[in-house]
């Protein structure tokens, strides 16, 4: 491992998924001004929009898309080019 290229300021940080309020503790060098009390101690807080606890790939809950409506819209739009 090369010397002097890796950050030295690793610290414990709480990550919070804002979509489902799930929190977890991990080491990070990310800067933040927010803080939170977690398990009786004060930690820096990083807010996330999505994590493995809310992402459809990991949860198995896939958002349904109205494919029939999209196909009909496409066909109507390009109907004038049909021969």
C-alpha atoms as a PDB file:
ATOM      1  CA  UNK A   1       0.000   0.000   0.000  1.00  0.00           C
ATOM      2  CA  UNK A   2       1.376   3.423  -0.971  1.00  0.00           C
ATOM      3  CA  UNK A   3       2.146   5.812   1.857  1.00  0.00           C
ATOM      4  CA  UNK A   4       0.555   9.269   2.075  1.00  0.00           C
ATOM      5  CA  UNK A   5      -2.347   8.769  -0.342  1.00  0.00           C
ATOM      6  CA  UNK A   6      -5.019   7.528   2.052  1.00  0.00           C
ATOM      7  CA  UNK A   7      -7.005   9.828   4.392  1.00  0.00           C
ATOM      8  CA  UNK A   8      -6.060   9.799   8.047  1.00  0.00           C
ATOM      9  CA  UNK A   9      -9.265  11.253   9.525  1.00  0.00           C
ATOM     10  CA  UNK A  10     -11.465   8.128   9.693  1.00  0.00           C
ATOM     11  CA  UNK A  11     -14.030   8.383  12.466  1.00  0.00           C
ATOM     12  CA  UNK A  12     -17.297   6.732  13.461  1.00  0.00           C
ATOM     13  CA  UNK A  13     -20.264   8.322  11.674  1.00  0.00           C
ATOM     14  CA  UNK A  14     -23.997   7.558  11.771  1.00  0.00           C
ATOM     15  CA  UNK A  15     -25.643   7.217   8.348  1.00  0.00           C
ATOM     16  CA  UNK A  16     -29.405   7.836   8.230  1.00  0.00           C
ATOM     17  CA  UNK A  17     -31.630   6.766   5.333  1.00  0.00           C
ATOM     18  CA  UNK A  18     -34.161   9.602   5.077  1.00  0.00           C
ATOM     19  CA  UNK A  19     -36.740   7.503   3.198  1.00  0.00           C
ATOM     20  CA  UNK A  20     -37.268   4.975   6.017  1.00  0.00           C
ATOM     21  CA  UNK A  21     -35.360   6.465   9.008  1.00  0.00           C
ATOM     22  CA  UNK A  22     -33.002   3.458   9.220  1.00  0.00           C
ATOM     23  CA  UNK A  23     -29.669   4.328  10.887  1.00  0.00           C
ATOM     24  CA  UNK A  24     -26.331   2.528  11.026  1.00  0.00           C
ATOM     25  CA  UNK A  25     -22.879   3.239  12.387  1.00  0.00           C
ATOM     26  CA  UNK A  26     -19.814   3.044  10.148  1.00  0.00           C
ATOM     27  CA  UNK A  27     -16.396   4.664   9.727  1.00  0.00           C
ATOM     28  CA  UNK A  28     -16.096   7.498   7.223  1.00  0.00           C
ATOM     29  CA  UNK A  29     -14.096  10.582   6.285  1.00  0.00           C
ATOM     30  CA  UNK A  30     -17.136  12.465   4.940  1.00  0.00           C
ATOM     31  CA  UNK A  31     -17.579  15.975   6.339  1.00  0.00           C
ATOM     32  CA  UNK A  32     -20.839  16.997   7.999  1.00  0.00           C
ATOM     33  CA  UNK A  33     -22.155  19.664  10.343  1.00  0.00           C
ATOM     34  CA  UNK A  34     -25.062  17.568  11.659  1.00  0.00           C
ATOM     35  CA  UNK A  35     -24.854  15.280  14.678  1.00  0.00           C
ATOM     36  CA  UNK A  36     -27.092  12.706  16.317  1.00  0.00           C
ATOM     37  CA  UNK A  37     -27.212  10.729  19.548  1.00  0.00           C
ATOM     38  CA  UNK A  38     -26.923   7.020  18.783  1.00  0.00           C
ATOM     39  CA  UNK A  39     -26.754   4.310  21.452  1.00  0.00           C
ATOM     40  CA  UNK A  40     -26.029   6.891  24.144  1.00  0.00           C
ATOM     41  CA  UNK A  41     -23.176   8.703  22.351  1.00  0.00           C
ATOM     42  CA  UNK A  42     -22.983  11.740  20.062  1.00  0.00           C
ATOM     43  CA  UNK A  43     -21.819  11.041  16.478  1.00  0.00           C
ATOM     44  CA  UNK A  44     -21.610  13.054  13.232  1.00  0.00           C
ATOM     45  CA  UNK A  45     -24.663  12.424  11.010  1.00  0.00           C
ATOM     46  CA  UNK A  46     -24.660  11.790   7.254  1.00  0.00           C
ATOM     47  CA  UNK A  47     -28.149  11.926   5.669  1.00  0.00           C
ATOM     48  CA  UNK A  48     -28.799   9.684   2.642  1.00  0.00           C
ATOM     49  CA  UNK A  49     -31.737   9.571   0.264  1.00  0.00           C
ATOM     50  CA  UNK A  50     -31.436   5.822  -0.364  1.00  0.00           C
ATOM     51  CA  UNK A  51     -29.513   2.897   1.111  1.00  0.00           C
ATOM     52  CA  UNK A  52     -29.577  -0.888   0.966  1.00  0.00           C
ATOM     53  CA  UNK A  53     -32.525  -0.848   3.390  1.00  0.00           C
ATOM     54  CA  UNK A  54     -34.716   1.115   0.969  1.00  0.00           C
ATOM     55  CA  UNK A  55     -33.326   0.402  -2.524  1.00  0.00           C
ATOM     56  CA  UNK A  56     -35.670  -1.775  -4.642  1.00  0.00           C
ATOM     57  CA  UNK A  57     -32.822  -4.067  -5.714  1.00  0.00           C
ATOM     58  CA  UNK A  58     -32.088  -5.057  -2.114  1.00  0.00           C
ATOM     59  CA  UNK A  59     -35.644  -5.001  -0.764  1.00  0.00           C
ATOM     60  CA  UNK A  60     -37.243  -6.880  -3.676  1.00  0.00           C
ATOM     61  CA  UNK A  61     -40.032  -4.304  -3.899  1.00  0.00           C
ATOM     62  CA  UNK A  62     -40.028  -3.180  -7.514  1.00  0.00           C
ATOM     63  CA  UNK A  63     -41.905  -0.059  -8.529  1.00  0.00           C
ATOM     64  CA  UNK A  64     -44.543  -0.922 -11.117  1.00  0.00           C
ATOM     65  CA  UNK A  65     -44.415   1.058 -14.342  1.00  0.00           C
ATOM     66  CA  UNK A  66     -47.462   1.625 -16.524  1.00  0.00           C
ATOM     67  CA  UNK A  67     -45.967  -0.045 -19.620  1.00  0.00           C
ATOM     68  CA  UNK A  68     -49.273  -0.377 -21.467  1.00  0.00           C
ATOM     69  CA  UNK A  69     -49.914   3.346 -21.206  1.00  0.00           C
ATOM     70  CA  UNK A  70     -46.388   4.143 -22.356  1.00  0.00           C
ATOM     71  CA  UNK A  71     -46.675   1.868 -25.406  1.00  0.00           C
ATOM     72  CA  UNK A  72     -50.026   3.407 -26.376  1.00  0.00           C
ATOM     73  CA  UNK A  73     -48.592   6.891 -26.022  1.00  0.00           C
ATOM     74  CA  UNK A  74     -45.648   5.935 -28.258  1.00  0.00           C
ATOM     75  CA  UNK A  75     -47.918   4.378 -30.912  1.00  0.00           C
ATOM     76  CA  UNK A  76     -50.204   7.429 -30.995  1.00  0.00           C
ATOM     77  CA  UNK A  77     -47.246   9.768 -31.263  1.00  0.00           C
ATOM     78  CA  UNK A  78     -45.720   7.997 -34.272  1.00  0.00           C
ATOM     79  CA  UNK A  79     -48.969   6.911 -35.963  1.00  0.00           C
ATOM     80  CA  UNK A  80     -48.633   9.720 -38.535  1.00  0.00           C
ATOM     81  CA  UNK A  81     -45.369   8.186 -39.840  1.00  0.00           C
ATOM     82  CA  UNK A  82     -46.958   4.797 -40.576  1.00  0.00           C
ATOM     83  CA  UNK A  83     -47.218   3.844 -44.288  1.00  0.00           C
END
